[in-house]
Amino acid sequence: MKAQVLVDDRIKQGENGFAELRVLLVPIAVRGSAHTFKYSLSLVIEGVCVLRFDNEAGKGDHYHLNGIELPYNFFTMPVLLDDFWKMVDEWRQA
């Protein structure tokens, strides 16, 4: 099985930003993750990535918030997407 693109979207966020979501279903789990999704969910404001959830090989599931990398406990893809959008809302309200 080849990697299958599940989500590949860019969503405008106000006048100066966008959210970029990319999710792949992969045949073998990314090293450091216990599931078969490869993902990157980003919030970019004025050309700067201020929030990103991803599972880079070897690092496993984690997120970046204002330049700080923190662990993330992946449960399901719907929960991940919900967590991302909640943090987008929190960031925009801060």
PDB file of N, CA and C in Angstrom:
ATOM      1  N   MET A   1       0.844  -1.186   0.000  1.00  0.00           N
ATOM      2  CA  MET A   1       0.000   0.000   0.000  1.00  0.00           C
ATOM      3  C   MET A   1       0.886   1.245   0.000  1.00  0.00           C
ATOM      4  N   LYS A   2       0.588   2.180  -0.861  1.00  0.00           N
ATOM      5  CA  LYS A   2       1.265   3.469  -0.871  1.00  0.00           C
ATOM      6  C   LYS A   2       0.565   4.400   0.112  1.00  0.00           C
ATOM      7  N   ALA A   3       1.243   5.474   0.468  1.00  0.00           N
ATOM      8  CA  ALA A   3       0.617   6.490   1.331  1.00  0.00           C
ATOM      9  C   ALA A   3      -0.597   7.072   0.620  1.00  0.00           C
ATOM     10  N   GLN A   4      -1.649   7.290   1.385  1.00  0.00           N
ATOM     11  CA  GLN A   4      -2.898   7.823   0.841  1.00  0.00           C
ATOM     12  C   GLN A   4      -3.174   9.174   1.501  1.00  0.00           C
ATOM     13  N   VAL A   5      -3.369  10.208   0.688  1.00  0.00           N
ATOM     14  CA  VAL A   5      -3.668  11.540   1.212  1.00  0.00           C
ATOM     15  C   VAL A   5      -5.113  11.563   1.697  1.00  0.00           C
ATOM     16  N   LEU A   6      -5.304  11.864   2.972  1.00  0.00           N
ATOM     17  CA  LEU A   6      -6.640  11.966   3.556  1.00  0.00           C
ATOM     18  C   LEU A   6      -7.107  13.416   3.641  1.00  0.00           C
ATOM     19  N   VAL A   7      -6.179  14.310   3.967  1.00  0.00           N
ATOM     20  CA  VAL A   7      -6.488  15.738   4.077  1.00  0.00           C
ATOM     21  C   VAL A   7      -5.315  16.516   3.500  1.00  0.00           C
ATOM     22  N   ASP A   8      -5.609  17.486   2.665  1.00  0.00           N
ATOM     23  CA  ASP A   8      -4.595  18.402   2.130  1.00  0.00           C
ATOM     24  C   ASP A   8      -5.314  19.720   1.863  1.00  0.00           C
ATOM     25  N   ASP A   9      -5.302  20.600   2.865  1.00  0.00           N
ATOM     26  CA  ASP A   9      -6.159  21.787   2.826  1.00  0.00           C
ATOM     27  C   ASP A   9      -5.442  22.999   3.396  1.00  0.00           C
ATOM     28  N   ARG A  10      -5.746  24.157   2.840  1.00  0.00           N
ATOM     29  CA  ARG A  10      -5.275  25.432   3.385  1.00  0.00           C
ATOM     30  C   ARG A  10      -6.520  26.281   3.618  1.00  0.00           C
ATOM     31  N   ILE A  11      -6.680  26.739   4.861  1.00  0.00           N
ATOM     32  CA  ILE A  11      -7.879  27.471   5.255  1.00  0.00           C
ATOM     33  C   ILE A  11      -7.472  28.850   5.762  1.00  0.00           C
ATOM     34  N   LYS A  12      -7.977  29.872   5.111  1.00  0.00           N
ATOM     35  CA  LYS A  12      -7.650  31.250   5.494  1.00  0.00           C
ATOM     36  C   LYS A  12      -8.091  31.514   6.936  1.00  0.00           C
ATOM     37  N   GLN A  13      -7.228  32.203   7.662  1.00  0.00           N
ATOM     38  CA  GLN A  13      -7.490  32.571   9.051  1.00  0.00           C
ATOM     39  C   GLN A  13      -7.293  34.070   9.191  1.00  0.00           C
ATOM     40  N   GLY A  14      -8.358  34.821   9.003  1.00  0.00           N
ATOM     41  CA  GLY A  14      -8.262  36.276   9.072  1.00  0.00           C
ATOM     42  C   GLY A  14      -7.546  36.832   7.856  1.00  0.00           C
ATOM     43  N   GLU A  15      -7.105  38.074   7.970  1.00  0.00           N
ATOM     44  CA  GLU A  15      -6.454  38.761   6.851  1.00  0.00           C
ATOM     45  C   GLU A  15      -4.997  38.368   6.675  1.00  0.00           C
ATOM     46  N   ASN A  16      -4.358  37.882   7.736  1.00  0.00           N
ATOM     47  CA  ASN A  16      -2.912  37.690   7.690  1.00  0.00           C
ATOM     48  C   ASN A  16      -2.440  36.271   7.974  1.00  0.00           C
ATOM     49  N   GLY A  17      -3.341  35.291   7.883  1.00  0.00           N
ATOM     50  CA  GLY A  17      -2.899  33.945   8.217  1.00  0.00           C
ATOM     51  C   GLY A  17      -3.695  32.852   7.557  1.00  0.00           C
ATOM     52  N   PHE A  18      -3.232  31.631   7.794  1.00  0.00           N
ATOM     53  CA  PHE A  18      -3.916  30.459   7.271  1.00  0.00           C
ATOM     54  C   PHE A  18      -3.571  29.244   8.132  1.00  0.00           C
ATOM     55  N   ALA A  19      -4.435  28.268   8.077  1.00  0.00           N
ATOM     56  CA  ALA A  19      -4.172  26.957   8.677  1.00  0.00           C
ATOM     57  C   ALA A  19      -3.904  26.008   7.524  1.00  0.00           C
ATOM     58  N   GLU A  20      -2.868  25.210   7.652  1.00  0.00           N
ATOM     59  CA  GLU A  20      -2.536  24.222   6.629  1.00  0.00           C
ATOM     60  C   GLU A  20      -2.598  22.850   7.274  1.00  0.00           C
ATOM     61  N   LEU A  21      -3.420  21.977   6.699  1.00  0.00           N
ATOM     62  CA  LEU A  21      -3.633  20.637   7.248  1.00  0.00           C
ATOM     63  C   LEU A  21      -3.253  19.594   6.205  1.00  0.00           C
ATOM     64  N   ARG A  22      -2.374  18.694   6.591  1.00  0.00           N
ATOM     65  CA  ARG A  22      -1.976  17.596   5.710  1.00  0.00           C
ATOM     66  C   ARG A  22      -1.939  16.332   6.545  1.00  0.00           C
ATOM     67  N   VAL A  23      -2.724  15.340   6.119  1.00  0.00           N
ATOM     68  CA  VAL A  23      -2.789  14.055   6.817  1.00  0.00           C
ATOM     69  C   VAL A  23      -2.677  12.946   5.779  1.00  0.00           C
ATOM     70  N   LEU A  24      -1.775  12.019   6.026  1.00  0.00           N
ATOM     71  CA  LEU A  24      -1.594  10.855   5.161  1.00  0.00           C
ATOM     72  C   LEU A  24      -1.849   9.591   5.956  1.00  0.00           C
ATOM     73  N   LEU A  25      -2.419   8.603   5.309  1.00  0.00           N
ATOM     74  CA  LEU A  25      -2.499   7.251   5.859  1.00  0.00           C
ATOM     75  C   LEU A  25      -1.317   6.510   5.268  1.00  0.00           C
ATOM     76  N   VAL A  26      -0.429   6.027   6.110  1.00  0.00           N
ATOM     77  CA  VAL A  26       0.799   5.385   5.641  1.00  0.00           C
ATOM     78  C   VAL A  26       0.764   3.894   5.967  1.00  0.00           C
ATOM     79  N   PRO A  27       1.474   3.077   5.181  1.00  0.00           N
ATOM     80  CA  PRO A  27       1.414   1.628   5.391  1.00  0.00           C
ATOM     81  C   PRO A  27       2.080   1.166   6.689  1.00  0.00           C
ATOM     82  N   ILE A  28       3.070   1.913   7.154  1.00  0.00           N
ATOM     83  CA  ILE A  28       3.804   1.566   8.380  1.00  0.00           C
ATOM     84  C   ILE A  28       3.877   2.819   9.248  1.00  0.00           C
ATOM     85  N   ALA A  29       3.669   2.652  10.542  1.00  0.00           N
ATOM     86  CA  ALA A  29       3.710   3.795  11.462  1.00  0.00           C
ATOM     87  C   ALA A  29       5.034   4.542  11.346  1.00  0.00           C
ATOM     88  N   VAL A  30       4.961   5.845  11.429  1.00  0.00           N
ATOM     89  CA  VAL A  30       6.145   6.703  11.457  1.00  0.00           C
ATOM     90  C   VAL A  30       6.915   6.365  12.734  1.00  0.00           C
ATOM     91  N   ARG A  31       8.235   6.239  12.615  1.00  0.00           N
ATOM     92  CA  ARG A  31       9.066   5.897  13.773  1.00  0.00           C
ATOM     93  C   ARG A  31       8.785   6.865  14.922  1.00  0.00           C
ATOM     94  N   GLY A  32       8.392   6.339  16.079  1.00  0.00           N
ATOM     95  CA  GLY A  32       8.057   7.147  17.245  1.00  0.00           C
ATOM     96  C   GLY A  32       6.566   7.298  17.476  1.00  0.00           C
ATOM     97  N   SER A  33       5.747   6.872  16.501  1.00  0.00           N
ATOM     98  CA  SER A  33       4.286   6.932  16.627  1.00  0.00           C
ATOM     99  C   SER A  33       3.715   5.517  16.625  1.00  0.00           C
ATOM    100  N   ALA A  34       2.563   5.347  17.268  1.00  0.00           N
ATOM    101  CA  ALA A  34       1.934   4.022  17.379  1.00  0.00           C
ATOM    102  C   ALA A  34       0.707   3.891  16.481  1.00  0.00           C
ATOM    103  N   HIS A  35       0.636   4.701  15.431  1.00  0.00           N
ATOM    104  CA  HIS A  35      -0.522   4.701  14.528  1.00  0.00           C
ATOM    105  C   HIS A  35      -0.013   4.893  13.101  1.00  0.00           C
ATOM    106  N   THR A  36      -0.876   4.709  12.127  1.00  0.00           N
ATOM    107  CA  THR A  36      -0.458   4.787  10.727  1.00  0.00           C
ATOM    108  C   THR A  36      -0.900   6.081  10.039  1.00  0.00           C
ATOM    109  N   PHE A  37      -0.812   7.182  10.763  1.00  0.00           N
ATOM    110  CA  PHE A  37      -1.048   8.497  10.182  1.00  0.00           C
ATOM    111  C   PHE A  37       0.257   9.282  10.201  1.00  0.00           C
ATOM    112  N   LYS A  38       0.514  10.016   9.145  1.00  0.00           N
ATOM    113  CA  LYS A  38       1.597  10.990   9.093  1.00  0.00           C
ATOM    114  C   LYS A  38       0.900  12.334   8.911  1.00  0.00           C
ATOM    115  N   TYR A  39       1.162  13.294   9.800  1.00  0.00           N
ATOM    116  CA  TYR A  39       0.391  14.531   9.753  1.00  0.00           C
ATOM    117  C   TYR A  39       1.232  15.760  10.071  1.00  0.00           C
ATOM    118  N   SER A  40       0.742  16.880   9.578  1.00  0.00           N
ATOM    119  CA  SER A  40       1.265  18.193   9.912  1.00  0.00           C
ATOM    120  C   SER A  40       0.087  19.164   9.843  1.00  0.00           C
ATOM    121  N   LEU A  41      -0.236  19.754  10.977  1.00  0.00           N
ATOM    122  CA  LEU A  41      -1.330  20.719  11.089  1.00  0.00           C
ATOM    123  C   LEU A  41      -0.713  22.012  11.581  1.00  0.00           C
ATOM    124  N   SER A  42      -0.780  23.066  10.792  1.00  0.00           N
ATOM    125  CA  SER A  42      -0.058  24.302  11.112  1.00  0.00           C
ATOM    126  C   SER A  42      -0.965  25.524  11.083  1.00  0.00           C
ATOM    127  N   LEU A  43      -0.649  26.471  11.950  1.00  0.00           N
ATOM    128  CA  LEU A  43      -1.248  27.799  11.915  1.00  0.00           C
ATOM    129  C   LEU A  43      -0.120  28.772  11.620  1.00  0.00           C
ATOM    130  N   VAL A  44      -0.260  29.499  10.510  1.00  0.00           N
ATOM    131  CA  VAL A  44       0.766  30.438  10.075  1.00  0.00           C
ATOM    132  C   VAL A  44       0.157  31.844  10.080  1.00  0.00           C
ATOM    133  N   ILE A  45       0.801  32.753  10.801  1.00  0.00           N
ATOM    134  CA  ILE A  45       0.341  34.137  10.907  1.00  0.00           C
ATOM    135  C   ILE A  45       1.485  35.050  10.448  1.00  0.00           C
ATOM    136  N   GLU A  46       1.185  35.893   9.470  1.00  0.00           N
ATOM    137  CA  GLU A  46       2.170  36.824   8.919  1.00  0.00           C
ATOM    138  C   GLU A  46       3.469  36.110   8.549  1.00  0.00           C
ATOM    139  N   GLY A  47       3.336  34.928   7.944  1.00  0.00           N
ATOM    140  CA  GLY A  47       4.497  34.176   7.476  1.00  0.00           C
ATOM    141  C   GLY A  47       5.236  33.387   8.537  1.00  0.00           C
ATOM    142  N   VAL A  48       4.751  33.403   9.775  1.00  0.00           N
ATOM    143  CA  VAL A  48       5.418  32.701  10.881  1.00  0.00           C
ATOM    144  C   VAL A  48       4.518  31.572  11.373  1.00  0.00           C
ATOM    145  N   CYS A  49       5.073  30.365  11.466  1.00  0.00           N
ATOM    146  CA  CYS A  49       4.321  29.234  12.008  1.00  0.00           C
ATOM    147  C   CYS A  49       4.282  29.385  13.527  1.00  0.00           C
ATOM    148  N   VAL A  50       3.096  29.655  14.068  1.00  0.00           N
ATOM    149  CA  VAL A  50       2.953  29.891  15.506  1.00  0.00           C
ATOM    150  C   VAL A  50       2.447  28.652  16.237  1.00  0.00           C
ATOM    151  N   LEU A  51       1.899  27.684  15.483  1.00  0.00           N
ATOM    152  CA  LEU A  51       1.384  26.449  16.068  1.00  0.00           C
ATOM    153  C   LEU A  51       1.499  25.342  15.029  1.00  0.00           C
ATOM    154  N   ARG A  52       2.038  24.199  15.433  1.00  0.00           N
ATOM    155  CA  ARG A  52       2.099  23.056  14.521  1.00  0.00           C
ATOM    156  C   ARG A  52       2.043  21.754  15.301  1.00  0.00           C
ATOM    157  N   PHE A  53       1.149  20.879  14.902  1.00  0.00           N
ATOM    158  CA  PHE A  53       1.097  19.506  15.396  1.00  0.00           C
ATOM    159  C   PHE A  53       1.692  18.632  14.307  1.00  0.00           C
ATOM    160  N   ASP A  54       2.633  17.747  14.657  1.00  0.00           N
ATOM    161  CA  ASP A  54       3.172  16.833  13.664  1.00  0.00           C
ATOM    162  C   ASP A  54       3.774  15.609  14.337  1.00  0.00           C
ATOM    163  N   ASN A  55       4.154  14.658  13.509  1.00  0.00           N
ATOM    164  CA  ASN A  55       4.802  13.448  14.021  1.00  0.00           C
ATOM    165  C   ASN A  55       6.003  13.117  13.148  1.00  0.00           C
ATOM    166  N   GLU A  56       6.994  13.952  13.272  1.00  0.00           N
ATOM    167  CA  GLU A  56       8.249  13.791  12.558  1.00  0.00           C
ATOM    168  C   GLU A  56       8.890  12.454  12.955  1.00  0.00           C
ATOM    169  N   ALA A  57       9.464  11.768  11.982  1.00  0.00           N
ATOM    170  CA  ALA A  57      10.106  10.467  12.243  1.00  0.00           C
ATOM    171  C   ALA A  57      11.148  10.602  13.349  1.00  0.00           C
ATOM    172  N   GLY A  58      11.071   9.711  14.326  1.00  0.00           N
ATOM    173  CA  GLY A  58      12.012   9.708  15.438  1.00  0.00           C
ATOM    174  C   GLY A  58      11.564  10.536  16.626  1.00  0.00           C
ATOM    175  N   LYS A  59      10.735  11.551  16.397  1.00  0.00           N
ATOM    176  CA  LYS A  59      10.239  12.387  17.496  1.00  0.00           C
ATOM    177  C   LYS A  59       8.864  11.945  17.954  1.00  0.00           C
ATOM    178  N   GLY A  60       8.127  11.275  17.084  1.00  0.00           N
ATOM    179  CA  GLY A  60       6.772  10.867  17.428  1.00  0.00           C
ATOM    180  C   GLY A  60       5.824  12.053  17.460  1.00  0.00           C
ATOM    181  N   ASP A  61       4.701  11.866  18.103  1.00  0.00           N
ATOM    182  CA  ASP A  61       3.643  12.883  18.145  1.00  0.00           C
ATOM    183  C   ASP A  61       4.037  14.020  19.090  1.00  0.00           C
ATOM    184  N   HIS A  62       3.936  15.245  18.584  1.00  0.00           N
ATOM    185  CA  HIS A  62       4.278  16.413  19.386  1.00  0.00           C
ATOM    186  C   HIS A  62       3.662  17.644  18.740  1.00  0.00           C
ATOM    187  N   TYR A  63       3.786  18.772  19.428  1.00  0.00           N
ATOM    188  CA  TYR A  63       3.344  20.032  18.834  1.00  0.00           C
ATOM    189  C   TYR A  63       4.315  21.139  19.196  1.00  0.00           C
ATOM    190  N   HIS A  64       4.274  22.184  18.394  1.00  0.00           N
ATOM    191  CA  HIS A  64       5.106  23.363  18.585  1.00  0.00           C
ATOM    192  C   HIS A  64       4.166  24.535  18.828  1.00  0.00           C
ATOM    193  N   LEU A  65       4.425  25.296  19.869  1.00  0.00           N
ATOM    194  CA  LEU A  65       3.622  26.469  20.178  1.00  0.00           C
ATOM    195  C   LEU A  65       4.568  27.622  20.442  1.00  0.00           C
ATOM    196  N   ASN A  66       4.517  28.616  19.560  1.00  0.00           N
ATOM    197  CA  ASN A  66       5.391  29.784  19.685  1.00  0.00           C
ATOM    198  C   ASN A  66       6.857  29.396  19.887  1.00  0.00           C
ATOM    199  N   GLY A  67       7.308  28.416  19.107  1.00  0.00           N
ATOM    200  CA  GLY A  67       8.712  28.014  19.126  1.00  0.00           C
ATOM    201  C   GLY A  67       9.093  26.988  20.178  1.00  0.00           C
ATOM    202  N   ILE A  68       8.155  26.565  20.996  1.00  0.00           N
ATOM    203  CA  ILE A  68       8.442  25.562  22.033  1.00  0.00           C
ATOM    204  C   ILE A  68       7.837  24.230  21.606  1.00  0.00           C
ATOM    205  N   GLU A  69       8.632  23.147  21.656  1.00  0.00           N
ATOM    206  CA  GLU A  69       8.157  21.813  21.289  1.00  0.00           C
ATOM    207  C   GLU A  69       7.696  21.060  22.539  1.00  0.00           C
ATOM    208  N   LEU A  70       6.482  20.500  22.452  1.00  0.00           N
ATOM    209  CA  LEU A  70       5.889  19.782  23.584  1.00  0.00           C
ATOM    210  C   LEU A  70       5.341  18.434  23.107  1.00  0.00           C
ATOM    211  N   PRO A  71       5.316  17.416  23.987  1.00  0.00           N
ATOM    212  CA  PRO A  71       4.758  16.111  23.585  1.00  0.00           C
ATOM    213  C   PRO A  71       3.249  16.189  23.410  1.00  0.00           C
ATOM    214  N   TYR A  72       2.736  15.313  22.548  1.00  0.00           N
ATOM    215  CA  TYR A  72       1.295  15.224  22.323  1.00  0.00           C
ATOM    216  C   TYR A  72       0.892  13.757  22.392  1.00  0.00           C
ATOM    217  N   ASN A  73      -0.161  13.457  23.140  1.00  0.00           N
ATOM    218  CA  ASN A  73      -0.684  12.091  23.233  1.00  0.00           C
ATOM    219  C   ASN A  73      -1.768  11.894  22.188  1.00  0.00           C
ATOM    220  N   PHE A  74      -1.419  11.197  21.113  1.00  0.00           N
ATOM    221  CA  PHE A  74      -2.358  10.938  20.026  1.00  0.00           C
ATOM    222  C   PHE A  74      -3.338   9.847  20.442  1.00  0.00           C
ATOM    223  N   PHE A  75      -4.656  10.101  20.249  1.00  0.00           N
ATOM    224  CA  PHE A  75      -5.680   9.091  20.511  1.00  0.00           C
ATOM    225  C   PHE A  75      -6.322   8.647  19.204  1.00  0.00           C
ATOM    226  N   THR A  76      -6.955   9.594  18.506  1.00  0.00           N
ATOM    227  CA  THR A  76      -7.577   9.313  17.212  1.00  0.00           C
ATOM    228  C   THR A  76      -7.419  10.562  16.341  1.00  0.00           C
ATOM    229  N   MET A  77      -7.619  10.402  15.039  1.00  0.00           N
ATOM    230  CA  MET A  77      -7.517  11.550  14.152  1.00  0.00           C
ATOM    231  C   MET A  77      -8.584  12.605  14.454  1.00  0.00           C
ATOM    232  N   PRO A  78      -9.858  12.223  14.713  1.00  0.00           N
ATOM    233  CA  PRO A  78     -10.833  13.265  15.068  1.00  0.00           C
ATOM    234  C   PRO A  78     -10.444  14.050  16.324  1.00  0.00           C
ATOM    235  N   VAL A  79      -9.881  13.380  17.314  1.00  0.00           N
ATOM    236  CA  VAL A  79      -9.447  14.076  18.537  1.00  0.00           C
ATOM    237  C   VAL A  79      -8.288  15.015  18.213  1.00  0.00           C
ATOM    238  N   LEU A  80      -7.332  14.569  17.396  1.00  0.00           N
ATOM    239  CA  LEU A  80      -6.216  15.426  17.003  1.00  0.00           C
ATOM    240  C   LEU A  80      -6.722  16.695  16.312  1.00  0.00           C
ATOM    241  N   LEU A  81      -7.612  16.526  15.344  1.00  0.00           N
ATOM    242  CA  LEU A  81      -8.147  17.688  14.630  1.00  0.00           C
ATOM    243  C   LEU A  81      -8.882  18.631  15.578  1.00  0.00           C
ATOM    244  N   ASP A  82      -9.650  18.071  16.495  1.00  0.00           N
ATOM    245  CA  ASP A  82     -10.359  18.889  17.480  1.00  0.00           C
ATOM    246  C   ASP A  82      -9.368  19.631  18.380  1.00  0.00           C
ATOM    247  N   ASP A  83      -8.332  18.943  18.839  1.00  0.00           N
ATOM    248  CA  ASP A  83      -7.315  19.587  19.681  1.00  0.00           C
ATOM    249  C   ASP A  83      -6.619  20.722  18.931  1.00  0.00           C
ATOM    250  N   PHE A  84      -6.303  20.495  17.660  1.00  0.00           N
ATOM    251  CA  PHE A  84      -5.663  21.534  16.857  1.00  0.00           C
ATOM    252  C   PHE A  84      -6.549  22.774  16.775  1.00  0.00           C
ATOM    253  N   TRP A  85      -7.819  22.588  16.407  1.00  0.00           N
ATOM    254  CA  TRP A  85      -8.704  23.748  16.248  1.00  0.00           C
ATOM    255  C   TRP A  85      -8.969  24.450  17.583  1.00  0.00           C
ATOM    256  N   LYS A  86      -9.001  23.704  18.680  1.00  0.00           N
ATOM    257  CA  LYS A  86      -9.141  24.338  19.997  1.00  0.00           C
ATOM    258  C   LYS A  86      -7.935  25.228  20.294  1.00  0.00           C
ATOM    259  N   MET A  87      -6.736  24.737  19.968  1.00  0.00           N
ATOM    260  CA  MET A  87      -5.533  25.529  20.224  1.00  0.00           C
ATOM    261  C   MET A  87      -5.449  26.728  19.277  1.00  0.00           C
ATOM    262  N   VAL A  88      -5.944  26.576  18.047  1.00  0.00           N
ATOM    263  CA  VAL A  88      -6.012  27.722  17.139  1.00  0.00           C
ATOM    264  C   VAL A  88      -6.890  28.798  17.771  1.00  0.00           C
ATOM    265  N   ASP A  89      -8.069  28.408  18.251  1.00  0.00           N
ATOM    266  CA  ASP A  89      -8.974  29.366  18.902  1.00  0.00           C
ATOM    267  C   ASP A  89      -8.313  30.023  20.111  1.00  0.00           C
ATOM    268  N   GLU A  90      -7.632  29.223  20.946  1.00  0.00           N
ATOM    269  CA  GLU A  90      -6.959  29.777  22.124  1.00  0.00           C
ATOM    270  C   GLU A  90      -5.875  30.753  21.713  1.00  0.00           C
ATOM    271  N   TRP A  91      -5.098  30.413  20.687  1.00  0.00           N
ATOM    272  CA  TRP A  91      -4.020  31.286  20.242  1.00  0.00           C
ATOM    273  C   TRP A  91      -4.593  32.603  19.731  1.00  0.00           C
ATOM    274  N   ARG A  92      -5.676  32.534  18.979  1.00  0.00           N
ATOM    275  CA  ARG A  92      -6.266  33.750  18.410  1.00  0.00           C
ATOM    276  C   ARG A  92      -6.865  34.641  19.506  1.00  0.00           C
ATOM    277  N   GLN A  93      -7.288  34.065  20.618  1.00  0.00           N
ATOM    278  CA  GLN A  93      -7.877  34.854  21.711  1.00  0.00           C
ATOM    279  C   GLN A  93      -6.827  35.429  22.655  1.00  0.00           C
ATOM    280  N   ALA A  94      -5.601  34.918  22.575  1.00  0.00           N
ATOM    281  CA  ALA A  94      -4.541  35.375  23.497  1.00  0.00           C
ATOM    282  C   ALA A  94      -4.039  36.764  23.148  1.00  0.00           C
TER     283      ALA A  94
END
